[in-house]
């Protein structure tokens, strides 16, 4: 792949990224299938293995931008209700209610609580919480891992409050998994807990995913 833009070509990291994108079969597949990002296939592969998504569910998609996970859910399970959130704006997706904001803030959390009627329900109202949230990495393995664990803890805490009995929680982790204490908590609240690196996740990526099903309530 020849880089014609001289400004881009002068930055080796940009060139390497563009060349990797051009050679990536998942990028081509996403373009062909109309998904906004290759990340769609990570969720597809996890769902095909563990079957946690179905029609007529209420699903919360955290870290949703640019929207490929929500795209897959609304396409494949059109009778489900999807509530998505991210710091970045996304182009609207029919069938998806979106909030732009930081999930860890009170304002964003309150939006979800209101939309999901958790204040008045007396129990969880959500079938599945999926989270592809990730921090801005700094290149220091230990620091990046700790930042990811903070986001994972926020997502897990929300899932415990929002999920119906039997619900599922699918969230990004990093290589090395969770802390022992957090993993213990997740196993206490779910019947089945798996760590998975989907084939669509790049080999050089440190990301993994926790797939927890059978929420105990």
Protein backbone atom coordinates (compact mmCIF):
# COMPACT_ATOMS: atom_id res chain seq x y z
CA UNK A 1 0.00 0.00 0.00
CA UNK A 2 1.55 3.30 -1.11
CA UNK A 3 0.82 6.31 1.11
CA UNK A 4 0.14 9.29 -1.15
CA UNK A 5 -0.40 11.87 1.60
CA UNK A 6 3.11 13.19 2.36
CA UNK A 7 2.16 14.43 5.85
CA UNK A 8 0.86 11.00 6.84
CA UNK A 9 3.74 9.24 5.11
CA UNK A 10 6.22 11.17 7.25
CA UNK A 11 4.87 9.52 10.41
CA UNK A 12 5.92 5.89 10.59
CA UNK A 13 3.22 4.99 13.13
CA UNK A 14 0.49 6.34 10.85
CA UNK A 15 1.88 4.43 7.89
CA UNK A 16 2.07 1.20 9.89
CA UNK A 17 -1.53 1.64 11.09
CA UNK A 18 -2.83 2.28 7.57
CA UNK A 19 -0.94 -0.68 6.16
CA UNK A 20 -2.25 -2.94 8.91
CA UNK A 21 -5.80 -1.75 8.24
CA UNK A 22 -5.44 -2.42 4.53
CA UNK A 23 -4.19 -5.96 5.18
CA UNK A 24 -6.74 -6.79 7.89
CA UNK A 25 -9.46 -9.18 6.63
CA UNK A 26 -11.82 -8.06 9.43
CA UNK A 27 -11.60 -4.45 8.21
CA UNK A 28 -12.57 -5.55 4.71
CA UNK A 29 -15.34 -7.74 6.11
CA UNK A 30 -16.73 -4.88 8.20
CA UNK A 31 -16.77 -2.64 5.15
CA UNK A 32 -18.53 -5.33 3.11
CA UNK A 33 -21.09 -6.07 5.83
CA UNK A 34 -21.77 -2.43 6.62
CA UNK A 35 -20.39 -2.40 10.16
CA UNK A 36 -18.74 0.77 11.44
CA UNK A 37 -15.74 -1.07 12.87
CA UNK A 38 -14.07 -4.46 12.82
CA UNK A 39 -14.88 -4.68 16.56
CA UNK A 40 -18.35 -5.92 15.62
CA UNK A 41 -16.89 -9.38 15.02
CA UNK A 42 -15.53 -9.61 18.57
CA UNK A 43 -19.09 -9.44 19.89
CA UNK A 44 -20.38 -11.69 17.11
CA UNK A 45 -17.79 -14.38 17.91
CA UNK A 46 -18.49 -14.22 21.64
CA UNK A 47 -22.24 -14.36 21.09
CA UNK A 48 -21.92 -17.31 18.70
CA UNK A 49 -19.96 -19.22 21.33
CA UNK A 50 -21.92 -18.36 24.48
CA UNK A 51 -25.36 -17.32 23.13
CA UNK A 52 -26.05 -14.54 25.63
CA UNK A 53 -28.03 -12.34 23.22
CA UNK A 54 -31.62 -13.01 22.16
CA UNK A 55 -34.66 -11.13 20.91
CA UNK A 56 -36.88 -9.16 23.28
CA UNK A 57 -34.00 -8.27 25.59
CA UNK A 58 -32.98 -5.00 27.21
CA UNK A 59 -29.29 -4.47 26.44
CA UNK A 60 -26.87 -1.79 27.68
CA UNK A 61 -23.81 -1.12 25.49
CA UNK A 62 -21.04 0.75 27.35
CA UNK A 63 -18.13 2.23 25.41
CA UNK A 64 -20.27 1.98 22.30
CA UNK A 65 -18.51 4.29 19.81
CA UNK A 66 -18.45 4.08 16.87
CA UNK A 67 -21.47 1.81 17.31
CA UNK A 68 -20.65 -1.52 15.72
CA UNK A 69 -21.72 -3.61 18.73
CA UNK A 70 -25.09 -1.85 18.86
CA UNK A 71 -25.37 -2.29 15.10
CA UNK A 72 -24.96 -6.04 15.43
CA UNK A 73 -27.46 -6.31 18.26
CA UNK A 74 -30.17 -4.26 16.56
CA UNK A 75 -29.68 -6.07 13.24
CA UNK A 76 -29.65 -9.58 14.66
CA UNK A 77 -32.15 -9.10 17.49
CA UNK A 78 -34.45 -6.32 16.22
CA UNK A 79 -37.03 -6.81 18.97
CA UNK A 80 -34.52 -5.92 21.67
CA UNK A 81 -34.15 -2.47 23.29
CA UNK A 82 -30.63 -1.05 23.28
CA UNK A 83 -29.24 1.77 25.41
CA UNK A 84 -25.73 2.86 24.45
CA UNK A 85 -23.19 5.23 25.98
CA UNK A 86 -19.77 6.62 25.14
CA UNK A 87 -17.59 9.67 25.65
CA UNK A 88 -17.52 10.07 21.87
CA UNK A 89 -20.49 10.96 19.73
CA UNK A 90 -21.84 8.33 17.36
CA UNK A 91 -23.98 8.64 14.25
CA UNK A 92 -27.54 7.71 15.29
CA UNK A 93 -28.56 4.06 14.91
CA UNK A 94 -32.30 3.38 14.52
CA UNK A 95 -33.48 1.35 17.49
CA UNK A 96 -30.67 2.52 19.78
CA UNK A 97 -30.98 5.21 22.45
CA UNK A 98 -27.59 6.89 22.91
CA UNK A 99 -26.08 9.12 25.61
CA UNK A 100 -22.80 10.92 25.04
CA UNK A 101 -20.94 11.19 28.31
CA UNK A 102 -18.57 9.62 30.81
CA UNK A 103 -20.13 6.47 32.30
CA UNK A 104 -18.28 7.04 35.56
CA UNK A 105 -20.04 10.38 36.21
CA UNK A 106 -23.25 10.86 38.18
CA UNK A 107 -25.00 12.48 35.19
CA UNK A 108 -24.39 9.54 32.88
CA UNK A 109 -25.26 7.00 35.55
CA UNK A 110 -28.49 8.86 36.34
CA UNK A 111 -29.48 8.77 32.66
CA UNK A 112 -29.20 4.99 32.63
CA UNK A 113 -31.04 4.59 35.93
CA UNK A 114 -33.90 6.73 34.59
CA UNK A 115 -34.08 5.07 31.17
CA UNK A 116 -34.02 1.59 32.70
CA UNK A 117 -36.53 2.49 35.42
CA UNK A 118 -34.20 1.05 38.04
CA UNK A 119 -35.28 3.54 40.69
CA UNK A 120 -38.86 2.22 40.72
CA UNK A 121 -38.50 -1.37 39.55
CA UNK A 122 -37.33 -2.85 42.85
CA UNK A 123 -35.20 -5.29 40.82
CA UNK A 124 -33.03 -5.39 37.74
CA UNK A 125 -34.58 -4.56 34.36
CA UNK A 126 -31.66 -5.41 32.05
CA UNK A 127 -30.93 -8.72 30.34
CA UNK A 128 -27.39 -8.05 29.10
CA UNK A 129 -24.67 -5.50 29.86
CA UNK A 130 -21.85 -5.38 27.30
CA UNK A 131 -18.81 -3.16 27.76
CA UNK A 132 -16.03 -2.41 25.31
CA UNK A 133 -14.82 0.51 27.44
CA UNK A 134 -11.08 1.06 27.47
CA UNK A 135 -8.88 3.82 28.92
CA UNK A 136 -6.50 5.97 26.93
CA UNK A 137 -3.34 3.90 27.22
CA UNK A 138 0.00 5.42 28.15
CA UNK A 139 2.21 2.52 27.09
CA UNK A 140 3.05 1.47 30.64
CA UNK A 141 1.67 -2.03 31.04
CA UNK A 142 0.92 -1.90 34.76
CA UNK A 143 -0.69 1.56 34.60
CA UNK A 144 -2.81 0.66 31.58
CA UNK A 145 -3.94 -2.54 33.26
CA UNK A 146 -4.95 -0.71 36.45
CA UNK A 147 -6.94 1.86 34.46
CA UNK A 148 -8.75 -0.90 32.63
CA UNK A 149 -9.57 -2.63 35.91
CA UNK A 150 -11.17 0.57 37.23
CA UNK A 151 -13.50 0.69 34.22
CA UNK A 152 -14.24 -3.01 34.59
CA UNK A 153 -15.16 -2.50 38.25
CA UNK A 154 -17.52 0.35 37.33
CA UNK A 155 -19.19 -1.80 34.67
CA UNK A 156 -19.48 -4.80 37.01
CA UNK A 157 -20.98 -2.67 39.78
CA UNK A 158 -23.57 -1.33 37.35
CA UNK A 159 -24.34 -4.82 36.03
CA UNK A 160 -25.00 -6.09 39.55
CA UNK A 161 -27.53 -3.33 40.06
CA UNK A 162 -29.16 -3.44 36.62
CA UNK A 163 -29.34 -7.11 35.60
CA UNK A 164 -32.31 -9.40 35.96
CA UNK A 165 -31.66 -12.86 37.45
CA UNK A 166 -30.16 -15.01 34.70
CA UNK A 167 -28.67 -11.99 32.91
CA UNK A 168 -25.25 -11.71 31.26
CA UNK A 169 -22.25 -9.41 31.63
CA UNK A 170 -19.64 -9.18 28.86
CA UNK A 171 -16.74 -6.77 29.40
CA UNK A 172 -13.28 -5.95 28.14
CA UNK A 173 -10.36 -6.82 30.36
CA UNK A 174 -6.64 -6.84 29.62
CA UNK A 175 -4.13 -9.70 29.53
CA UNK A 176 -3.55 -10.79 33.08
CA UNK A 177 -7.27 -10.88 33.73
CA UNK A 178 -8.95 -9.29 36.71
CA UNK A 179 -7.65 -8.89 40.20
CA UNK A 180 -8.26 -11.97 42.32
CA UNK A 181 -10.77 -10.12 44.48
CA UNK A 182 -12.80 -8.81 41.52
CA UNK A 183 -12.77 -12.21 39.82
CA UNK A 184 -14.01 -13.78 43.05
CA UNK A 185 -16.86 -11.27 43.20
CA UNK A 186 -17.85 -11.91 39.59
CA UNK A 187 -17.87 -15.68 40.17
CA UNK A 188 -20.03 -15.20 43.26
CA UNK A 189 -22.64 -13.28 41.27
CA UNK A 190 -22.70 -15.37 38.07
CA UNK A 191 -23.10 -19.09 37.47
CA UNK A 192 -20.61 -19.23 34.59
CA UNK A 193 -17.54 -17.03 34.05
CA UNK A 194 -15.21 -17.32 31.06
CA UNK A 195 -12.18 -15.41 29.77
CA UNK A 196 -12.08 -15.19 25.98
CA UNK A 197 -9.87 -13.58 23.35
CA UNK A 198 -12.06 -13.56 20.23
CA UNK A 199 -10.36 -14.41 16.94
CA UNK A 200 -11.24 -10.90 15.75
CA UNK A 201 -9.07 -9.42 18.50
CA UNK A 202 -5.68 -8.65 17.01
CA UNK A 203 -2.92 -11.02 18.08
CA UNK A 204 -0.74 -8.18 19.35
CA UNK A 205 -3.58 -6.70 21.41
CA UNK A 206 -3.56 -7.17 25.19
CA UNK A 207 -7.35 -7.14 25.37
CA UNK A 208 -9.42 -10.08 26.57
CA UNK A 209 -13.08 -10.31 27.52
CA UNK A 210 -14.96 -11.64 30.49
CA UNK A 211 -18.18 -13.44 29.55
CA UNK A 212 -20.30 -14.01 32.65
CA UNK A 213 -23.74 -15.61 32.34
CA UNK A 214 -26.45 -16.71 34.74
CA UNK A 215 -26.62 -13.70 37.05
CA UNK A 216 -27.66 -14.87 40.50
CA UNK A 217 -29.47 -11.66 41.44
